[in-house]
Amino acid sequence: MSRFKPQYRRLLFIDRKLRSGAYPNCSSLAADWEVSARTIQRDLDYLRDELEAPIAYDAERRGFYYEDPSWFLPSVILSEGDLVALLIGQQALQMYEGTPVAEELKRIYAKLAEWLPESISVGPEFVESRFSFLHPPARSIAPEIWRQILRSLLHQRELEISYRSPASQTAKPHRIHPYHVVNAEGDWYLLAREVRWDDITQFAISRVVSARITEARFEVPADFDAVAVCKSRFGRYLHTRGGKVVRVRLLVEPTLAHYVSEKVWHPEQRLKRRRDGRVELSIPVLETRDIEAWVLSLGEHVKVLSPSGLAEQVRRRHRLAARG
């Protein structure tokens, strides 16, 4: 057992490197772990031959990778809390029912279940009777389109797509470099550079009519920061280029003051409580259209203090709605 533990930690290390997308080889892994390249090769053989790990070698990148990222190292070391978390996660899959990612996750959970002990103290029926997940309807995605996008993303290969935008009934061709996939409020989006344009574009994956991966390679720019892009969003709109930030100031009536105050709508929001029970909420956005629908959903319980353009747009929307 004492000899197995160091090897197992080394296998965990190799597993993390293979999942990182860095395409490690025997020499780089041996240098990182301070063992011989022959030892690493034996570990890779063990993973592939004994544990049936889907390890493949990319000749161009001169390194190894997983052909099937859903494969996991076997382990049965689970506490009761771990098991409850696992079962809750399985229930949460309902949020993505009908999308390809749900099928992938179900396969992962099925593989994990194979390694659980036969006798466990917490059963799935316990979680099902005490936890529920309600979610907004998600637009469906064709499995083959999802696979093509995933392959393009992982292997940095240019993608040819046919895309139907909300403003058009006809799908148009695009050649894109996928950088990042985001799930925003239940729908999946792809941040990619269209080769004819300078800016990165947000594509709704559900609106991709067809997709075909090509042999052309691309590199993700070093200054692309997906975390920063997601952090600055409001709602499902993502902005990858800089611009002038607009502070939207809202005055919320006491009837909704508690509702607005108890949530973090944006990481850089500012909240000020007034003596009369009203709340002033300030949220930075790059485009006021990002927040317009949310403001309208609050109805007569909110007043737009600034900017004036958004205030006028909200008044116009309310007049049109009242006119019927």
Protein backbone atom coordinates (compact mmCIF):
# COMPACT_ATOMS: atom_id res chain seq x y z
CA MET A 1 0.00 0.00 0.00
CA SER A 2 2.84 2.39 0.78
CA ARG A 3 4.16 2.00 -2.76
CA PHE A 4 0.69 2.50 -4.27
CA LYS A 5 0.02 5.86 -2.64
CA PRO A 6 2.90 7.75 -4.29
CA GLN A 7 2.02 6.19 -7.65
CA TYR A 8 -1.64 7.09 -7.23
CA ARG A 9 -0.73 10.70 -6.45
CA ARG A 10 1.42 10.65 -9.59
CA LEU A 11 -1.51 9.27 -11.59
CA LEU A 12 -3.69 12.09 -10.25
CA PHE A 13 -1.02 14.57 -11.33
CA ILE A 14 -0.83 13.03 -14.83
CA ASP A 15 -4.63 13.06 -15.03
CA ARG A 16 -4.76 16.80 -14.20
CA LYS A 17 -2.12 17.56 -16.83
CA LEU A 18 -3.98 15.60 -19.50
CA ARG A 19 -7.21 17.46 -18.68
CA SER A 20 -5.52 20.87 -18.73
CA GLY A 21 -5.17 20.86 -22.52
CA ALA A 22 -1.39 21.40 -22.25
CA TYR A 23 -0.60 18.19 -24.21
CA PRO A 24 2.15 16.95 -21.85
CA ASN A 25 4.68 14.30 -22.89
CA CYS A 26 6.86 11.87 -20.94
CA SER A 27 9.75 14.30 -20.69
CA SER A 28 7.71 17.25 -19.39
CA LEU A 29 5.79 15.07 -16.93
CA ALA A 30 9.00 13.47 -15.68
CA ALA A 31 10.60 16.88 -15.15
CA ASP A 32 7.58 18.17 -13.23
CA TRP A 33 7.37 15.12 -10.95
CA GLU A 34 11.15 14.59 -10.75
CA VAL A 35 11.10 10.97 -11.92
CA SER A 36 12.41 9.25 -15.04
CA ALA A 37 10.61 9.39 -18.38
CA ARG A 38 10.47 5.57 -18.24
CA THR A 39 8.46 5.77 -14.99
CA ILE A 40 5.97 8.14 -16.61
CA GLN A 41 5.68 5.84 -19.63
CA ARG A 42 4.86 2.92 -17.29
CA ASP A 43 2.21 5.09 -15.60
CA LEU A 44 0.67 5.97 -18.98
CA ASP A 45 0.69 2.30 -20.00
CA TYR A 46 -1.01 1.40 -16.72
CA LEU A 47 -3.69 4.06 -17.21
CA ARG A 48 -4.32 2.98 -20.78
CA ASP A 49 -4.06 -0.82 -20.45
CA GLU A 50 -5.33 -1.52 -16.92
CA LEU A 51 -7.76 1.35 -16.31
CA GLU A 52 -8.79 1.73 -19.98
CA ALA A 53 -8.02 5.44 -20.01
CA PRO A 54 -8.71 6.93 -23.51
CA ILE A 55 -5.20 8.42 -23.83
CA ALA A 56 -4.09 9.43 -27.34
CA TYR A 57 -0.98 11.13 -28.72
CA ASP A 58 -1.11 14.29 -30.85
CA ALA A 59 1.89 14.19 -33.17
CA GLU A 60 1.67 17.86 -34.11
CA ARG A 61 1.54 19.06 -30.50
CA ARG A 62 3.91 16.30 -29.37
CA GLY A 63 1.86 15.43 -26.32
CA PHE A 64 -0.89 13.29 -24.84
CA TYR A 65 -4.58 14.10 -24.32
CA TYR A 66 -7.87 12.41 -23.45
CA GLU A 67 -9.99 11.46 -26.46
CA ASP A 68 -12.98 11.17 -24.11
CA PRO A 69 -12.84 13.88 -21.37
CA SER A 70 -15.69 12.17 -19.49
CA TRP A 71 -13.33 9.36 -18.38
CA PHE A 72 -12.29 9.54 -14.71
CA LEU A 73 -9.80 7.78 -12.47
CA PRO A 74 -11.66 5.24 -10.33
CA SER A 75 -12.17 6.16 -6.69
CA VAL A 76 -14.63 5.09 -3.99
CA ILE A 77 -13.44 7.38 -1.17
CA LEU A 78 -16.65 9.30 -0.51
CA SER A 79 -17.95 10.76 2.73
CA GLU A 80 -21.70 11.00 3.37
CA GLY A 81 -21.48 14.72 2.56
CA ASP A 82 -19.67 13.93 -0.71
CA LEU A 83 -22.37 11.47 -1.65
CA VAL A 84 -25.20 13.92 -0.92
CA ALA A 85 -23.41 16.54 -3.05
CA LEU A 86 -23.01 13.99 -5.85
CA LEU A 87 -26.71 13.08 -5.78
CA ILE A 88 -27.78 16.73 -5.66
CA GLY A 89 -25.58 17.36 -8.69
CA GLN A 90 -27.32 14.53 -10.49
CA GLN A 91 -30.69 16.12 -9.73
CA ALA A 92 -29.37 19.46 -11.00
CA LEU A 93 -28.85 17.87 -14.42
CA GLN A 94 -32.55 18.48 -15.01
CA MET A 95 -31.61 22.12 -15.62
CA TYR A 96 -29.95 21.09 -18.89
CA GLU A 97 -32.39 18.41 -20.01
CA GLY A 98 -32.59 18.27 -23.80
CA THR A 99 -29.10 19.65 -24.37
CA PRO A 100 -26.04 17.56 -25.35
CA VAL A 101 -24.19 18.58 -22.19
CA ALA A 102 -26.87 16.82 -20.13
CA GLU A 103 -26.16 13.54 -21.92
CA GLU A 104 -22.41 13.96 -21.35
CA LEU A 105 -22.93 14.63 -17.64
CA LYS A 106 -25.27 11.67 -17.30
CA ARG A 107 -22.53 9.43 -18.72
CA ILE A 108 -20.08 10.87 -16.18
CA TYR A 109 -22.47 10.26 -13.27
CA ALA A 110 -23.13 6.73 -14.51
CA LYS A 111 -19.38 6.02 -14.50
CA LEU A 112 -19.03 7.45 -11.02
CA ALA A 113 -21.91 5.27 -9.84
CA GLU A 114 -20.05 2.15 -11.03
CA TRP A 115 -17.31 2.85 -8.48
CA LEU A 116 -19.59 3.48 -5.51
CA PRO A 117 -19.76 0.81 -2.81
CA GLU A 118 -22.77 -1.51 -2.99
CA SER A 119 -24.00 -0.40 0.45
CA ILE A 120 -24.36 3.34 1.00
CA SER A 121 -26.01 5.25 3.83
CA VAL A 122 -27.77 7.86 1.69
CA GLY A 123 -29.92 6.78 -1.24
CA PRO A 124 -31.05 8.77 -4.31
CA GLU A 125 -34.64 8.68 -3.06
CA PHE A 126 -33.58 10.79 -0.04
CA VAL A 127 -32.29 13.57 -2.28
CA GLU A 128 -35.26 13.37 -4.65
CA SER A 129 -37.69 13.77 -1.76
CA ARG A 130 -35.90 16.78 -0.25
CA PHE A 131 -34.35 18.74 -3.14
CA SER A 132 -35.92 20.13 -6.32
CA PHE A 133 -34.51 22.27 -9.12
CA LEU A 134 -36.74 24.66 -11.07
CA HIS A 135 -35.17 26.23 -14.12
CA PRO A 136 -36.03 28.44 -17.10
CA PRO A 137 -36.62 26.64 -20.40
CA ALA A 138 -33.41 26.20 -22.39
CA ARG A 139 -33.24 26.23 -26.18
CA SER A 140 -32.34 22.86 -27.66
CA ILE A 141 -28.95 22.19 -29.28
CA ALA A 142 -28.26 19.52 -31.89
CA PRO A 143 -25.76 16.96 -30.48
CA GLU A 144 -23.57 16.96 -33.60
CA ILE A 145 -23.27 20.76 -33.55
CA TRP A 146 -22.31 20.61 -29.87
CA ARG A 147 -19.61 17.99 -30.62
CA GLN A 148 -18.17 20.02 -33.51
CA ILE A 149 -17.96 23.16 -31.35
CA LEU A 150 -16.38 21.22 -28.49
CA ARG A 151 -13.74 19.66 -30.77
CA SER A 152 -12.99 23.03 -32.33
CA LEU A 153 -12.64 24.59 -28.90
CA LEU A 154 -10.39 21.88 -27.45
CA HIS A 155 -8.14 21.45 -30.49
CA GLN A 156 -8.15 25.11 -31.60
CA ARG A 157 -9.36 24.35 -35.10
CA GLU A 158 -11.28 26.87 -37.21
CA LEU A 159 -15.02 26.22 -37.44
CA GLU A 160 -17.35 26.85 -40.37
CA ILE A 161 -20.90 27.49 -39.20
CA SER A 162 -24.25 28.49 -40.62
CA TYR A 163 -25.90 30.88 -38.14
CA ARG A 164 -29.38 32.34 -37.92
CA SER A 165 -29.43 35.57 -35.90
CA PRO A 166 -32.58 36.76 -34.06
CA ALA A 167 -33.05 39.54 -36.61
CA SER A 168 -32.88 37.27 -39.65
CA GLN A 169 -34.93 34.33 -40.90
CA THR A 170 -32.08 33.17 -43.13
CA ALA A 171 -28.95 31.46 -41.84
CA LYS A 172 -25.66 33.02 -42.95
CA PRO A 173 -22.18 31.44 -43.22
CA HIS A 174 -19.38 32.33 -40.79
CA ARG A 175 -15.80 31.17 -40.27
CA ILE A 176 -14.99 31.49 -36.59
CA HIS A 177 -12.29 30.84 -33.98
CA PRO A 178 -14.08 29.60 -30.81
CA TYR A 179 -12.50 30.95 -27.60
CA HIS A 180 -14.94 30.16 -24.80
CA VAL A 181 -18.35 28.58 -24.07
CA VAL A 182 -20.63 30.23 -21.50
CA ASN A 183 -23.93 29.17 -19.97
CA ALA A 184 -25.83 32.37 -19.16
CA GLU A 185 -29.21 32.04 -17.48
CA GLY A 186 -29.81 28.54 -18.87
CA ASP A 187 -28.72 29.11 -22.49
CA TRP A 188 -25.36 28.28 -24.07
CA TYR A 189 -23.28 30.89 -25.87
CA LEU A 190 -20.02 30.78 -27.78
CA LEU A 191 -17.48 33.60 -27.67
CA ALA A 192 -15.61 33.48 -30.96
CA ARG A 193 -13.79 35.69 -33.44
CA GLU A 194 -15.32 35.86 -36.89
CA VAL A 195 -12.33 35.91 -39.26
CA ARG A 196 -13.76 38.91 -41.18
CA TRP A 197 -14.24 41.02 -38.06
CA ASP A 198 -11.90 42.40 -35.42
CA ASP A 199 -14.19 42.05 -32.41
CA ILE A 200 -15.13 38.86 -30.60
CA THR A 201 -18.79 37.94 -31.17
CA GLN A 202 -21.31 36.23 -28.91
CA PHE A 203 -23.09 33.41 -30.77
CA ALA A 204 -26.11 31.58 -29.31
CA ILE A 205 -25.24 27.91 -29.88
CA SER A 206 -28.93 27.03 -30.26
CA ARG A 207 -29.03 29.27 -33.37
CA VAL A 208 -26.19 27.42 -35.11
CA VAL A 209 -27.83 25.53 -37.97
CA SER A 210 -24.73 23.58 -39.07
CA ALA A 211 -21.09 23.33 -38.03
CA ARG A 212 -18.00 21.79 -39.60
CA ILE A 213 -14.51 21.72 -38.11
CA THR A 214 -11.62 22.47 -40.49
CA GLU A 215 -7.90 21.70 -40.46
CA ALA A 216 -6.91 25.38 -40.05
CA ARG A 217 -5.48 26.11 -36.61
CA PHE A 218 -5.76 29.28 -34.56
CA GLU A 219 -4.38 30.64 -31.30
CA VAL A 220 -6.41 32.23 -28.51
CA PRO A 221 -5.04 35.76 -27.89
CA ALA A 222 -3.02 36.06 -24.68
CA ASP A 223 -5.09 39.07 -23.60
CA PHE A 224 -8.45 37.25 -23.88
CA ASP A 225 -9.86 37.03 -20.34
CA ALA A 226 -13.05 34.97 -20.11
CA VAL A 227 -13.35 35.56 -16.36
CA ALA A 228 -13.33 39.34 -16.86
CA VAL A 229 -15.88 39.08 -19.67
CA CYS A 230 -18.30 37.05 -17.53
CA LYS A 231 -17.75 39.23 -14.48
CA SER A 232 -18.75 42.42 -16.30
CA ARG A 233 -21.99 41.05 -17.76
CA PHE A 234 -25.55 41.88 -16.77
CA GLY A 235 -28.08 39.24 -17.76
CA ARG A 236 -27.09 37.14 -20.75
CA TYR A 237 -25.29 39.85 -22.70
CA LEU A 238 -21.50 39.50 -22.86
CA HIS A 239 -19.13 42.21 -24.03
CA THR A 240 -15.55 41.42 -25.00
CA ARG A 241 -14.43 44.83 -26.18
CA GLY A 242 -13.91 47.83 -23.98
CA GLY A 243 -16.13 50.85 -23.96
CA LYS A 244 -17.49 53.61 -21.82
CA VAL A 245 -19.17 52.21 -18.72
CA VAL A 246 -22.54 53.75 -17.93
CA ARG A 247 -23.79 53.85 -14.34
CA VAL A 248 -27.51 53.07 -14.31
CA ARG A 249 -29.12 54.58 -11.20
CA LEU A 250 -32.48 53.20 -10.10
CA LEU A 251 -34.80 54.27 -7.28
CA VAL A 252 -36.77 51.30 -5.98
CA GLU A 253 -40.00 51.72 -3.99
CA PRO A 254 -40.32 50.11 -0.51
CA THR A 255 -42.56 47.35 -1.93
CA LEU A 256 -39.57 45.87 -3.79
CA ALA A 257 -36.70 47.38 -1.77
CA HIS A 258 -36.02 44.17 0.17
CA TYR A 259 -36.15 42.01 -2.97
CA VAL A 260 -33.65 44.23 -4.78
CA SER A 261 -31.38 44.57 -1.73
CA GLU A 262 -31.02 40.90 -0.92
CA LYS A 263 -29.39 39.91 -4.22
CA VAL A 264 -26.08 40.72 -5.88
CA TRP A 265 -27.14 41.73 -9.39
CA HIS A 266 -23.63 42.82 -10.40
CA PRO A 267 -20.27 42.47 -8.61
CA GLU A 268 -19.72 46.25 -8.80
CA GLN A 269 -23.21 47.39 -7.83
CA ARG A 270 -23.78 50.10 -5.21
CA LEU A 271 -26.71 50.14 -2.84
CA LYS A 272 -27.94 53.10 -0.80
CA ARG A 273 -30.89 52.92 1.57
CA ARG A 274 -33.04 56.01 2.05
CA ARG A 275 -34.86 56.98 5.23
CA ASP A 276 -38.27 56.67 3.55
CA GLY A 277 -37.68 52.97 2.85
CA ARG A 278 -36.72 53.36 -0.79
CA VAL A 279 -33.45 51.98 -2.12
CA GLU A 280 -31.12 53.50 -4.70
CA LEU A 281 -29.33 50.90 -6.79
CA SER A 282 -26.43 51.75 -9.10
CA ILE A 283 -25.20 49.18 -11.65
CA PRO A 284 -22.44 49.65 -14.28
CA VAL A 285 -23.23 48.47 -17.83
CA LEU A 286 -21.58 48.87 -21.20
CA GLU A 287 -24.93 49.11 -22.98
CA THR A 288 -28.22 50.18 -21.38
CA ARG A 289 -30.14 47.61 -23.44
CA ASP A 290 -28.54 44.94 -21.25
CA ILE A 291 -30.52 46.10 -18.22
CA GLU A 292 -33.65 47.50 -19.91
CA ALA A 293 -35.75 44.31 -19.79
CA TRP A 294 -34.97 43.78 -16.11
CA VAL A 295 -35.95 47.37 -15.26
CA LEU A 296 -39.23 46.95 -17.16
CA SER A 297 -39.97 43.75 -15.21
CA LEU A 298 -40.01 45.80 -11.97
CA GLY A 299 -42.95 47.82 -13.32
CA GLU A 300 -44.11 50.92 -11.47
CA HIS A 301 -41.99 50.04 -8.43
CA VAL A 302 -38.81 51.49 -9.95
CA LYS A 303 -37.79 54.86 -11.36
CA VAL A 304 -34.78 55.40 -13.61
CA LEU A 305 -32.75 58.29 -12.21
CA SER A 306 -30.07 58.11 -14.91
CA PRO A 307 -29.13 57.98 -17.69
CA SER A 308 -31.92 60.03 -19.25
CA GLY A 309 -31.90 57.95 -22.44
CA LEU A 310 -32.79 54.79 -20.55
CA ALA A 311 -35.47 56.63 -18.56
CA GLU A 312 -37.12 57.79 -21.77
CA GLN A 313 -36.88 54.34 -23.35
CA VAL A 314 -38.56 52.74 -20.30
CA ARG A 315 -41.35 55.36 -20.40
CA ARG A 316 -41.88 54.68 -24.09
CA ARG A 317 -42.05 50.90 -23.52
CA HIS A 318 -44.62 51.36 -20.76
CA ARG A 319 -46.75 53.64 -22.95
CA LEU A 320 -46.71 51.09 -25.77
CA ALA A 321 -47.63 48.26 -23.38
CA ALA A 322 -50.51 50.28 -21.92
CA ARG A 323 -51.83 51.12 -25.38
CA GLY A 324 -52.28 47.42 -26.19
